[in-house]
PDB file of N, CA and C in Angstrom:
ATOM      1  N   MET A   1       5.826   2.776 -36.252  1.00  0.00           N
ATOM      2  CA  MET A   1       5.917   3.356 -34.740  1.00  0.00           C
ATOM      3  C   MET A   1       7.204   2.729 -34.192  1.00  0.00           C
ATOM      4  N   SER A   2       7.807   3.544 -33.347  1.00  0.00           N
ATOM      5  CA  SER A   2       8.510   2.689 -32.222  1.00  0.00           C
ATOM      6  C   SER A   2       8.069   2.528 -31.149  1.00  0.00           C
ATOM      7  N   ASP A   3       8.742   1.342 -30.291  1.00  0.00           N
ATOM      8  CA  ASP A   3       7.963   0.795 -29.081  1.00  0.00           C
ATOM      9  C   ASP A   3       9.041   1.784 -27.932  1.00  0.00           C
ATOM     10  N   GLN A   4       8.169   3.164 -27.286  1.00  0.00           N
ATOM     11  CA  GLN A   4       8.890   4.239 -26.499  1.00  0.00           C
ATOM     12  C   GLN A   4       9.287   3.346 -25.131  1.00  0.00           C
ATOM     13  N   THR A   5       8.785   1.996 -25.173  1.00  0.00           N
ATOM     14  CA  THR A   5       9.264   1.478 -23.764  1.00  0.00           C
ATOM     15  C   THR A   5      10.596   0.707 -23.857  1.00  0.00           C
ATOM     16  N   THR A   6      11.236   0.819 -25.096  1.00  0.00           N
ATOM     17  CA  THR A   6      12.581   0.582 -25.377  1.00  0.00           C
ATOM     18  C   THR A   6      13.433   1.226 -24.836  1.00  0.00           C
ATOM     19  N   PRO A   7      14.818   1.070 -24.978  1.00  0.00           N
ATOM     20  CA  PRO A   7      15.923   1.781 -24.281  1.00  0.00           C
ATOM     21  C   PRO A   7      15.820   3.107 -24.691  1.00  0.00           C
ATOM     22  N   GLU A   8      15.265   3.785 -25.631  1.00  0.00           N
ATOM     23  CA  GLU A   8      15.044   5.334 -26.147  1.00  0.00           C
ATOM     24  C   GLU A   8      14.633   5.919 -25.009  1.00  0.00           C
ATOM     25  N   LEU A   9      13.519   5.174 -24.438  1.00  0.00           N
ATOM     26  CA  LEU A   9      12.997   6.028 -23.424  1.00  0.00           C
ATOM     27  C   LEU A   9      13.644   5.969 -22.285  1.00  0.00           C
ATOM     28  N   TRP A  10      14.611   5.265 -21.834  1.00  0.00           N
ATOM     29  CA  TRP A  10      15.246   5.192 -20.871  1.00  0.00           C
ATOM     30  C   TRP A  10      16.601   5.995 -21.030  1.00  0.00           C
ATOM     31  N   THR A  11      17.025   6.272 -22.352  1.00  0.00           N
ATOM     32  CA  THR A  11      17.879   6.861 -22.563  1.00  0.00           C
ATOM     33  C   THR A  11      17.675   8.308 -22.274  1.00  0.00           C
ATOM     34  N   ALA A  12      16.480   8.870 -23.044  1.00  0.00           N
ATOM     35  CA  ALA A  12      15.902  10.389 -22.976  1.00  0.00           C
ATOM     36  C   ALA A  12      15.981  10.359 -21.287  1.00  0.00           C
ATOM     37  N   VAL A  13      15.397   9.628 -20.623  1.00  0.00           N
ATOM     38  CA  VAL A  13      15.172   9.872 -18.958  1.00  0.00           C
ATOM     39  C   VAL A  13      16.497   9.810 -18.159  1.00  0.00           C
ATOM     40  N   ASP A  14      17.478   9.237 -18.546  1.00  0.00           N
ATOM     41  CA  ASP A  14      18.837   9.629 -18.220  1.00  0.00           C
ATOM     42  C   ASP A  14      19.255  10.859 -18.653  1.00  0.00           C
ATOM     43  N   ASP A  15      18.931  11.201 -19.837  1.00  0.00           N
ATOM     44  CA  ASP A  15      19.514  12.286 -20.376  1.00  0.00           C
ATOM     45  C   ASP A  15      18.979  13.862 -19.787  1.00  0.00           C
ATOM     46  N   LEU A  16      17.647  13.603 -19.474  1.00  0.00           N
ATOM     47  CA  LEU A  16      17.001  14.540 -18.650  1.00  0.00           C
ATOM     48  C   LEU A  16      17.184  14.656 -17.291  1.00  0.00           C
ATOM     49  N   TRP A  17      17.619  13.574 -16.840  1.00  0.00           N
ATOM     50  CA  TRP A  17      18.303  13.611 -15.288  1.00  0.00           C
ATOM     51  C   TRP A  17      19.520  14.150 -15.021  1.00  0.00           C
ATOM     52  N   GLU A  18      20.426  13.833 -16.294  1.00  0.00           N
ATOM     53  CA  GLU A  18      21.681  14.326 -16.051  1.00  0.00           C
ATOM     54  C   GLU A  18      21.520  16.010 -16.330  1.00  0.00           C
ATOM     55  N   TRP A  19      21.061  16.149 -17.179  1.00  0.00           N
ATOM     56  CA  TRP A  19      20.744  17.575 -17.356  1.00  0.00           C
ATOM     57  C   TRP A  19      20.024  18.491 -16.210  1.00  0.00           C
ATOM     58  N   LEU A  20      19.148  17.737 -15.681  1.00  0.00           N
ATOM     59  CA  LEU A  20      18.776  18.591 -14.331  1.00  0.00           C
ATOM     60  C   LEU A  20      19.893  18.278 -13.132  1.00  0.00           C
ATOM     61  N   GLU A  21      20.492  17.527 -13.008  1.00  0.00           N
ATOM     62  CA  GLU A  21      21.698  17.429 -12.079  1.00  0.00           C
ATOM     63  C   GLU A  21      22.500  18.339 -12.427  1.00  0.00           C
ATOM     64  N   THR A  22      22.717  18.504 -13.598  1.00  0.00           N
ATOM     65  CA  THR A  22      24.190  19.824 -13.792  1.00  0.00           C
ATOM     66  C   THR A  22      23.433  21.328 -13.710  1.00  0.00           C
ATOM     67  N   ASN A  23      22.150  21.320 -13.588  1.00  0.00           N
ATOM     68  CA  ASN A  23      21.402  22.520 -13.694  1.00  0.00           C
ATOM     69  C   ASN A  23      20.450  22.613 -12.286  1.00  0.00           C
ATOM     70  N   ARG A  24      20.834  22.109 -11.755  1.00  0.00           N
ATOM     71  CA  ARG A  24      20.134  21.997 -10.286  1.00  0.00           C
ATOM     72  C   ARG A  24      19.929  23.389  -9.484  1.00  0.00           C
ATOM     73  N   PRO A  25      19.358  24.051  -9.013  1.00  0.00           N
ATOM     74  CA  PRO A  25      19.124  25.279  -8.587  1.00  0.00           C
ATOM     75  C   PRO A  25      19.628  24.838  -6.643  1.00  0.00           C
ATOM     76  N   VAL A  26      18.968  23.544  -6.084  1.00  0.00           N
ATOM     77  CA  VAL A  26      19.070  23.281  -4.938  1.00  0.00           C
ATOM     78  C   VAL A  26      19.608  21.980  -4.779  1.00  0.00           C
ATOM     79  N   GLU A  27      20.701  21.607  -3.856  1.00  0.00           N
ATOM     80  CA  GLU A  27      21.407  20.476  -3.628  1.00  0.00           C
ATOM     81  C   GLU A  27      20.813  19.641  -2.539  1.00  0.00           C
ATOM     82  N   GLY A  28      21.260  18.426  -2.566  1.00  0.00           N
ATOM     83  CA  GLY A  28      20.963  17.536  -1.819  1.00  0.00           C
ATOM     84  C   GLY A  28      19.545  17.127  -1.577  1.00  0.00           C
ATOM     85  N   ARG A  29      19.357  16.587  -0.427  1.00  0.00           N
ATOM     86  CA  ARG A  29      17.983  16.064   0.126  1.00  0.00           C
ATOM     87  C   ARG A  29      16.869  17.111  -0.373  1.00  0.00           C
ATOM     88  N   GLU A  30      16.754  18.102   0.041  1.00  0.00           N
ATOM     89  CA  GLU A  30      15.956  19.304  -0.509  1.00  0.00           C
ATOM     90  C   GLU A  30      15.612  19.405  -1.873  1.00  0.00           C
ATOM     91  N   GLY A  31      16.699  19.452  -2.804  1.00  0.00           N
ATOM     92  CA  GLY A  31      16.546  19.145  -4.169  1.00  0.00           C
ATOM     93  C   GLY A  31      15.741  17.766  -4.599  1.00  0.00           C
ATOM     94  N   VAL A  32      16.199  16.776  -3.925  1.00  0.00           N
ATOM     95  CA  VAL A  32      15.617  15.529  -4.379  1.00  0.00           C
ATOM     96  C   VAL A  32      13.773  15.681  -3.814  1.00  0.00           C
ATOM     97  N   LEU A  33      13.538  16.208  -2.914  1.00  0.00           N
ATOM     98  CA  LEU A  33      12.130  16.698  -2.676  1.00  0.00           C
ATOM     99  C   LEU A  33      11.624  17.012  -2.985  1.00  0.00           C
ATOM    100  N   LEU A  34      12.134  18.404  -3.717  1.00  0.00           N
ATOM    101  CA  LEU A  34      11.690  19.420  -4.714  1.00  0.00           C
ATOM    102  C   LEU A  34      11.290  18.614  -6.118  1.00  0.00           C
ATOM    103  N   ARG A  35      12.593  17.666  -6.457  1.00  0.00           N
ATOM    104  CA  ARG A  35      12.032  17.205  -7.579  1.00  0.00           C
ATOM    105  C   ARG A  35      10.689  16.093  -7.621  1.00  0.00           C
ATOM    106  N   ILE A  36      10.671  15.407  -6.555  1.00  0.00           N
ATOM    107  CA  ILE A  36       9.332  14.609  -6.528  1.00  0.00           C
ATOM    108  C   ILE A  36       8.146  15.393  -6.655  1.00  0.00           C
ATOM    109  N   LEU A  37       8.247  16.561  -5.701  1.00  0.00           N
ATOM    110  CA  LEU A  37       7.447  17.730  -5.834  1.00  0.00           C
ATOM    111  C   LEU A  37       6.587  18.082  -7.113  1.00  0.00           C
ATOM    112  N   LYS A  38       7.416  18.365  -7.794  1.00  0.00           N
ATOM    113  CA  LYS A  38       7.331  18.468  -9.142  1.00  0.00           C
ATOM    114  C   LYS A  38       6.018  17.883  -9.895  1.00  0.00           C
ATOM    115  N   LEU A  39       6.091  16.723  -9.284  1.00  0.00           N
ATOM    116  CA  LEU A  39       4.785  15.608 -10.008  1.00  0.00           C
ATOM    117  C   LEU A  39       3.491  16.537  -9.576  1.00  0.00           C
ATOM    118  N   SER A  40       3.507  16.987  -8.386  1.00  0.00           N
ATOM    119  CA  SER A  40       2.010  17.450  -8.014  1.00  0.00           C
ATOM    120  C   SER A  40       2.163  18.742  -9.164  1.00  0.00           C
ATOM    121  N   GLU A  41       2.607  19.467  -9.293  1.00  0.00           N
ATOM    122  CA  GLU A  41       2.701  20.570 -10.321  1.00  0.00           C
ATOM    123  C   GLU A  41       2.195  20.162 -11.462  1.00  0.00           C
ATOM    124  N   GLU A  42       2.595  19.150 -11.957  1.00  0.00           N
ATOM    125  CA  GLU A  42       2.039  18.350 -13.471  1.00  0.00           C
ATOM    126  C   GLU A  42       1.046  18.011 -13.226  1.00  0.00           C
ATOM    127  N   ALA A  43       0.806  17.291 -12.199  1.00  0.00           N
ATOM    128  CA  ALA A  43      -0.739  16.707 -11.978  1.00  0.00           C
ATOM    129  C   ALA A  43      -1.723  17.687 -11.917  1.00  0.00           C
ATOM    130  N   GLY A  44      -1.380  18.772 -11.409  1.00  0.00           N
ATOM    131  CA  GLY A  44      -2.272  20.202 -11.191  1.00  0.00           C
ATOM    132  C   GLY A  44      -2.382  20.816 -12.426  1.00  0.00           C
ATOM    133  N   GLU A  45      -1.319  20.507 -13.620  1.00  0.00           N
ATOM    134  CA  GLU A  45      -1.686  21.106 -15.089  1.00  0.00           C
ATOM    135  C   GLU A  45      -2.547  19.982 -15.733  1.00  0.00           C
ATOM    136  N   VAL A  46      -2.557  18.750 -15.539  1.00  0.00           N
ATOM    137  CA  VAL A  46      -3.430  17.691 -15.967  1.00  0.00           C
ATOM    138  C   VAL A  46      -4.894  18.415 -15.663  1.00  0.00           C
ATOM    139  N   ALA A  47      -5.132  18.314 -14.279  1.00  0.00           N
ATOM    140  CA  ALA A  47      -6.558  18.849 -14.059  1.00  0.00           C
ATOM    141  C   ALA A  47      -6.803  20.301 -14.527  1.00  0.00           C
ATOM    142  N   GLU A  48      -6.080  21.159 -14.735  1.00  0.00           N
ATOM    143  CA  GLU A  48      -6.390  22.269 -15.109  1.00  0.00           C
ATOM    144  C   GLU A  48      -6.797  22.077 -16.804  1.00  0.00           C
ATOM    145  N   ALA A  49      -5.895  21.195 -17.452  1.00  0.00           N
ATOM    146  CA  ALA A  49      -6.214  20.953 -18.996  1.00  0.00           C
ATOM    147  C   ALA A  49      -7.701  20.428 -19.277  1.00  0.00           C
ATOM    148  N   VAL A  50      -7.942  19.412 -17.951  1.00  0.00           N
ATOM    149  CA  VAL A  50      -9.375  18.592 -18.197  1.00  0.00           C
ATOM    150  C   VAL A  50     -10.459  19.528 -17.944  1.00  0.00           C
ATOM    151  N   ILE A  51     -10.333  20.613 -16.963  1.00  0.00           N
ATOM    152  CA  ILE A  51     -11.011  21.615 -16.576  1.00  0.00           C
ATOM    153  C   ILE A  51     -11.406  22.535 -17.937  1.00  0.00           C
ATOM    154  N   GLY A  52      -9.938  22.799 -18.243  1.00  0.00           N
ATOM    155  CA  GLY A  52     -10.325  23.599 -19.864  1.00  0.00           C
ATOM    156  C   GLY A  52     -10.764  23.031 -20.728  1.00  0.00           C
ATOM    157  N   ALA A  53     -10.780  21.720 -20.925  1.00  0.00           N
ATOM    158  CA  ALA A  53     -11.223  21.023 -22.164  1.00  0.00           C
ATOM    159  C   ALA A  53     -12.318  20.692 -22.208  1.00  0.00           C
ATOM    160  N   THR A  54     -13.216  20.880 -20.864  1.00  0.00           N
ATOM    161  CA  THR A  54     -14.788  20.605 -20.780  1.00  0.00           C
ATOM    162  C   THR A  54     -15.173  21.668 -20.562  1.00  0.00           C
ATOM    163  N   GLY A  55     -14.604  22.847 -20.450  1.00  0.00           N
ATOM    164  CA  GLY A  55     -15.165  24.110 -19.941  1.00  0.00           C
ATOM    165  C   GLY A  55     -16.002  24.002 -18.731  1.00  0.00           C
ATOM    166  N   GLN A  56     -15.366  23.528 -17.808  1.00  0.00           N
ATOM    167  CA  GLN A  56     -15.957  23.596 -16.428  1.00  0.00           C
ATOM    168  C   GLN A  56     -15.976  24.705 -15.803  1.00  0.00           C
ATOM    169  N   ASN A  57     -14.912  25.709 -16.129  1.00  0.00           N
ATOM    170  CA  ASN A  57     -14.811  27.307 -15.484  1.00  0.00           C
ATOM    171  C   ASN A  57     -15.796  28.199 -16.609  1.00  0.00           C
ATOM    172  N   VAL A  58     -16.907  28.538 -16.180  1.00  0.00           N
ATOM    173  CA  VAL A  58     -17.705  29.076 -16.470  1.00  0.00           C
ATOM    174  C   VAL A  58     -17.506  30.302 -17.364  1.00  0.00           C
ATOM    175  N   ARG A  59     -16.473  30.986 -16.396  1.00  0.00           N
ATOM    176  CA  ARG A  59     -15.867  32.275 -16.457  1.00  0.00           C
ATOM    177  C   ARG A  59     -15.053  32.403 -17.736  1.00  0.00           C
ATOM    178  N   LYS A  60     -14.192  31.058 -17.832  1.00  0.00           N
ATOM    179  CA  LYS A  60     -13.240  30.855 -18.794  1.00  0.00           C
ATOM    180  C   LYS A  60     -13.735  30.014 -20.372  1.00  0.00           C
ATOM    181  N   GLY A  61     -14.556  29.264 -19.955  1.00  0.00           N
ATOM    182  CA  GLY A  61     -14.998  28.495 -21.000  1.00  0.00           C
ATOM    183  C   GLY A  61     -14.425  27.563 -21.240  1.00  0.00           C
ATOM    184  N   VAL A  62     -14.191  26.879 -22.507  1.00  0.00           N
ATOM    185  CA  VAL A  62     -13.229  26.012 -23.065  1.00  0.00           C
ATOM    186  C   VAL A  62     -11.867  26.707 -23.492  1.00  0.00           C
ATOM    187  N   THR A  63     -10.822  26.354 -22.585  1.00  0.00           N
ATOM    188  CA  THR A  63      -9.618  26.804 -22.647  1.00  0.00           C
ATOM    189  C   THR A  63      -8.449  25.825 -23.419  1.00  0.00           C
ATOM    190  N   HIS A  64      -9.096  24.731 -23.462  1.00  0.00           N
ATOM    191  CA  HIS A  64      -7.759  23.670 -23.727  1.00  0.00           C
ATOM    192  C   HIS A  64      -8.489  22.684 -24.616  1.00  0.00           C
ATOM    193  N   THR A  65      -7.634  22.070 -25.075  1.00  0.00           N
ATOM    194  CA  THR A  65      -8.216  20.451 -25.875  1.00  0.00           C
ATOM    195  C   THR A  65      -7.710  19.340 -25.391  1.00  0.00           C
ATOM    196  N   TRP A  66      -8.139  17.954 -25.787  1.00  0.00           N
ATOM    197  CA  TRP A  66      -7.920  16.644 -25.379  1.00  0.00           C
ATOM    198  C   TRP A  66      -6.274  16.468 -25.748  1.00  0.00           C
ATOM    199  N   ASP A  67      -5.929  17.204 -26.710  1.00  0.00           N
ATOM    200  CA  ASP A  67      -4.569  17.155 -27.085  1.00  0.00           C
ATOM    201  C   ASP A  67      -3.336  17.792 -26.017  1.00  0.00           C
ATOM    202  N   ASP A  68      -4.173  18.837 -25.513  1.00  0.00           N
ATOM    203  CA  ASP A  68      -3.519  19.342 -24.257  1.00  0.00           C
ATOM    204  C   ASP A  68      -3.123  18.533 -23.266  1.00  0.00           C
ATOM    205  N   VAL A  69      -4.483  17.811 -22.832  1.00  0.00           N
ATOM    206  CA  VAL A  69      -4.813  16.811 -21.660  1.00  0.00           C
ATOM    207  C   VAL A  69      -3.712  15.606 -21.712  1.00  0.00           C
ATOM    208  N   GLN A  70      -3.301  15.215 -23.300  1.00  0.00           N
ATOM    209  CA  GLN A  70      -2.064  14.135 -23.529  1.00  0.00           C
ATOM    210  C   GLN A  70      -1.038  14.665 -23.101  1.00  0.00           C
ATOM    211  N   SER A  71      -0.709  16.125 -23.643  1.00  0.00           N
ATOM    212  CA  SER A  71       0.723  16.241 -23.417  1.00  0.00           C
ATOM    213  C   SER A  71       0.663  16.433 -22.236  1.00  0.00           C
ATOM    214  N   GLU A  72      -0.071  16.984 -21.325  1.00  0.00           N
ATOM    215  CA  GLU A  72       0.166  17.092 -19.727  1.00  0.00           C
ATOM    216  C   GLU A  72       0.552  15.724 -19.383  1.00  0.00           C
ATOM    217  N   LEU A  73      -0.502  14.847 -19.420  1.00  0.00           N
ATOM    218  CA  LEU A  73      -0.034  13.364 -18.912  1.00  0.00           C
ATOM    219  C   LEU A  73       1.082  12.936 -19.393  1.00  0.00           C
ATOM    220  N   CYS A  74       1.519  13.121 -20.339  1.00  0.00           N
ATOM    221  CA  CYS A  74       2.882  12.791 -20.746  1.00  0.00           C
ATOM    222  C   CYS A  74       4.038  13.533 -19.746  1.00  0.00           C
ATOM    223  N   ASP A  75       3.607  14.828 -19.579  1.00  0.00           N
ATOM    224  CA  ASP A  75       4.814  15.634 -18.664  1.00  0.00           C
ATOM    225  C   ASP A  75       4.604  14.758 -17.357  1.00  0.00           C
ATOM    226  N   VAL A  76       3.752  14.270 -16.635  1.00  0.00           N
ATOM    227  CA  VAL A  76       3.333  13.730 -15.452  1.00  0.00           C
ATOM    228  C   VAL A  76       4.299  12.405 -15.545  1.00  0.00           C
ATOM    229  N   VAL A  77       4.082  11.734 -16.822  1.00  0.00           N
ATOM    230  CA  VAL A  77       4.934  10.247 -16.893  1.00  0.00           C
ATOM    231  C   VAL A  77       6.209  10.767 -16.955  1.00  0.00           C
ATOM    232  N   ILE A  78       6.817  11.922 -17.612  1.00  0.00           N
ATOM    233  CA  ILE A  78       8.240  11.907 -17.819  1.00  0.00           C
ATOM    234  C   ILE A  78       8.922  12.456 -16.393  1.00  0.00           C
ATOM    235  N   THR A  79       8.092  13.111 -15.775  1.00  0.00           N
ATOM    236  CA  THR A  79       8.819  13.985 -14.308  1.00  0.00           C
ATOM    237  C   THR A  79       8.540  12.602 -13.506  1.00  0.00           C
ATOM    238  N   ALA A  80       7.931  11.618 -13.406  1.00  0.00           N
ATOM    239  CA  ALA A  80       7.788  10.855 -12.748  1.00  0.00           C
ATOM    240  C   ALA A  80       9.002   9.808 -12.746  1.00  0.00           C
ATOM    241  N   LEU A  81       9.295   9.593 -14.134  1.00  0.00           N
ATOM    242  CA  LEU A  81      10.337   8.801 -14.486  1.00  0.00           C
ATOM    243  C   LEU A  81      11.563   9.273 -14.286  1.00  0.00           C
ATOM    244  N   VAL A  82      11.624  10.481 -14.190  1.00  0.00           N
ATOM    245  CA  VAL A  82      13.183  11.381 -13.809  1.00  0.00           C
ATOM    246  C   VAL A  82      13.392  11.135 -12.299  1.00  0.00           C
ATOM    247  N   ALA A  83      12.025  11.608 -11.811  1.00  0.00           N
ATOM    248  CA  ALA A  83      12.166  11.582  -9.980  1.00  0.00           C
ATOM    249  C   ALA A  83      12.451   9.914  -9.853  1.00  0.00           C
ATOM    250  N   LEU A  84      12.021   9.101 -10.469  1.00  0.00           N
ATOM    251  CA  LEU A  84      12.471   7.513 -10.375  1.00  0.00           C
ATOM    252  C   LEU A  84      13.968   7.432 -10.515  1.00  0.00           C
ATOM    253  N   ARG A  85      14.423   8.078 -11.369  1.00  0.00           N
ATOM    254  CA  ARG A  85      15.861   8.260 -11.770  1.00  0.00           C
ATOM    255  C   ARG A  85      16.774   8.736 -10.545  1.00  0.00           C
ATOM    256  N   THR A  86      16.015   9.897 -10.062  1.00  0.00           N
ATOM    257  CA  THR A  86      17.055  10.749  -8.996  1.00  0.00           C
ATOM    258  C   THR A  86      17.018   9.698  -7.861  1.00  0.00           C
ATOM    259  N   LEU A  87      16.210   8.892  -7.848  1.00  0.00           N
ATOM    260  CA  LEU A  87      16.010   7.969  -6.522  1.00  0.00           C
ATOM    261  C   LEU A  87      17.080   6.837  -6.756  1.00  0.00           C
ATOM    262  N   THR A  88      17.469   6.124  -7.804  1.00  0.00           N
ATOM    263  CA  THR A  88      18.090   4.968  -8.027  1.00  0.00           C
ATOM    264  C   THR A  88      18.407   5.210  -9.590  1.00  0.00           C
ATOM    265  N   PRO A  89      19.799   4.606  -9.586  1.00  0.00           N
ATOM    266  CA  PRO A  89      20.525   4.459 -11.044  1.00  0.00           C
ATOM    267  C   PRO A  89      19.426   3.233 -12.020  1.00  0.00           C
ATOM    268  N   GLU A  90      19.200   2.537 -10.757  1.00  0.00           N
ATOM    269  CA  GLU A  90      18.245   1.238 -11.286  1.00  0.00           C
ATOM    270  C   GLU A  90      16.764   1.679 -11.880  1.00  0.00           C
ATOM    271  N   ALA A  91      16.376   2.634 -12.453  1.00  0.00           N
ATOM    272  CA  ALA A  91      15.043   3.176 -12.433  1.00  0.00           C
ATOM    273  C   ALA A  91      14.399   2.110 -13.382  1.00  0.00           C
ATOM    274  N   ARG A  92      15.213   1.809 -14.493  1.00  0.00           N
ATOM    275  CA  ARG A  92      14.175   1.135 -15.426  1.00  0.00           C
ATOM    276  C   ARG A  92      14.157  -0.259 -14.868  1.00  0.00           C
ATOM    277  N   GLU A  93      15.030  -1.119 -14.340  1.00  0.00           N
ATOM    278  CA  GLU A  93      14.932  -2.147 -13.629  1.00  0.00           C
ATOM    279  C   GLU A  93      13.677  -2.132 -12.004  1.00  0.00           C
ATOM    280  N   VAL A  94      13.647  -0.956 -11.469  1.00  0.00           N
ATOM    281  CA  VAL A  94      12.720  -0.871 -10.532  1.00  0.00           C
ATOM    282  C   VAL A  94      11.562  -0.635 -10.945  1.00  0.00           C
ATOM    283  N   PHE A  95      11.288   0.221 -12.095  1.00  0.00           N
ATOM    284  CA  PHE A  95       9.910   0.220 -12.712  1.00  0.00           C
ATOM    285  C   PHE A  95       9.636  -0.986 -13.183  1.00  0.00           C
ATOM    286  N   GLY A  96      10.170  -1.677 -14.311  1.00  0.00           N
ATOM    287  CA  GLY A  96       9.925  -2.807 -14.690  1.00  0.00           C
ATOM    288  C   GLY A  96       9.216  -3.726 -13.902  1.00  0.00           C
ATOM    289  N   ARG A  97      10.232  -4.037 -12.602  1.00  0.00           N
ATOM    290  CA  ARG A  97       9.538  -4.953 -11.849  1.00  0.00           C
ATOM    291  C   ARG A  97       8.044  -4.471 -11.035  1.00  0.00           C
ATOM    292  N   HIS A  98       7.965  -3.421 -10.945  1.00  0.00           N
ATOM    293  CA  HIS A  98       6.746  -2.748 -10.313  1.00  0.00           C
ATOM    294  C   HIS A  98       5.529  -2.866 -11.254  1.00  0.00           C
ATOM    295  N   LEU A  99       5.804  -2.540 -12.589  1.00  0.00           N
ATOM    296  CA  LEU A  99       4.692  -2.669 -13.651  1.00  0.00           C
ATOM    297  C   LEU A  99       4.192  -3.987 -13.711  1.00  0.00           C
ATOM    298  N   LYS A 100       5.460  -5.018 -13.984  1.00  0.00           N
ATOM    299  CA  LYS A 100       4.982  -6.255 -13.925  1.00  0.00           C
ATOM    300  C   LYS A 100       4.157  -6.911 -12.608  1.00  0.00           C
ATOM    301  N   ARG A 101       4.287  -6.521 -11.365  1.00  0.00           N
ATOM    302  CA  ARG A 101       3.657  -6.939 -10.384  1.00  0.00           C
ATOM    303  C   ARG A 101       1.988  -6.316 -10.486  1.00  0.00           C
ATOM    304  N   VAL A 102       2.077  -4.893 -10.740  1.00  0.00           N
ATOM    305  CA  VAL A 102       0.771  -4.343 -11.084  1.00  0.00           C
ATOM    306  C   VAL A 102       0.009  -5.289 -12.013  1.00  0.00           C
ATOM    307  N   ARG A 103       0.541  -4.975 -12.985  1.00  0.00           N
ATOM    308  CA  ARG A 103      -0.233  -6.011 -14.354  1.00  0.00           C
ATOM    309  C   ARG A 103      -0.875  -7.227 -14.022  1.00  0.00           C
ATOM    310  N   GLU A 104       0.188  -8.088 -13.230  1.00  0.00           N
ATOM    311  CA  GLU A 104      -0.360  -9.217 -13.082  1.00  0.00           C
ATOM    312  C   GLU A 104      -1.401  -9.345 -11.878  1.00  0.00           C
ATOM    313  N   ARG A 105      -1.266  -8.505 -10.665  1.00  0.00           N
ATOM    314  CA  ARG A 105      -2.103  -8.156  -9.837  1.00  0.00           C
ATOM    315  C   ARG A 105      -3.549  -8.053 -10.308  1.00  0.00           C
ATOM    316  N   SER A 106      -3.367  -7.005 -11.255  1.00  0.00           N
ATOM    317  CA  SER A 106      -4.559  -6.438 -11.829  1.00  0.00           C
ATOM    318  C   SER A 106      -5.189  -7.414 -12.898  1.00  0.00           C
ATOM    319  N   LEU A 107      -4.548  -8.120 -13.420  1.00  0.00           N
ATOM    320  CA  LEU A 107      -5.027  -9.044 -14.625  1.00  0.00           C
ATOM    321  C   LEU A 107      -5.528 -10.258 -13.747  1.00  0.00           C
ATOM    322  N   ALA A 108      -5.133 -10.432 -12.762  1.00  0.00           N
ATOM    323  CA  ALA A 108      -5.359 -11.744 -12.013  1.00  0.00           C
ATOM    324  C   ALA A 108      -6.755 -11.368 -11.088  1.00  0.00           C
ATOM    325  N   SER A 109      -6.776 -10.344 -10.858  1.00  0.00           N
ATOM    326  CA  SER A 109      -8.332  -9.925 -10.420  1.00  0.00           C
ATOM    327  C   SER A 109      -9.457  -9.962 -11.310  1.00  0.00           C
ATOM    328  N   SER A 110      -9.003  -9.520 -12.659  1.00  0.00           N
ATOM    329  CA  SER A 110     -10.023  -9.554 -13.593  1.00  0.00           C
ATOM    330  C   SER A 110     -10.750 -11.143 -13.908  1.00  0.00           C
ATOM    331  N   GLY A 111      -9.676 -12.129 -13.814  1.00  0.00           N
ATOM    332  CA  GLY A 111     -10.018 -13.033 -14.445  1.00  0.00           C
ATOM    333  C   GLY A 111     -10.973 -13.985 -13.613  1.00  0.00           C
TER     334      GLY A 111
END
């Protein structure tokens, strides 16, 4: 299995960003804000999948699987990385530095 934190991940993010930039229906600051707001939509789909996987809507019953939840979580990650790439061409470096800080802070507090 390949490590998806390698350059292939960032190549895919760049490819998706470029495709979205080419096909952007709304330009400028408003377009950037709408791209970031897409995260809320994707997070809502995670919530819908969890509710569906656990059968919490009595009227609908079980409508999703945990595989659906995994897929929706992946959509959140992809959307967030593309939004980050929209804000900076150095998304990989920005994300790497931030992940390192969060990891160090989190692991330090557990020791």
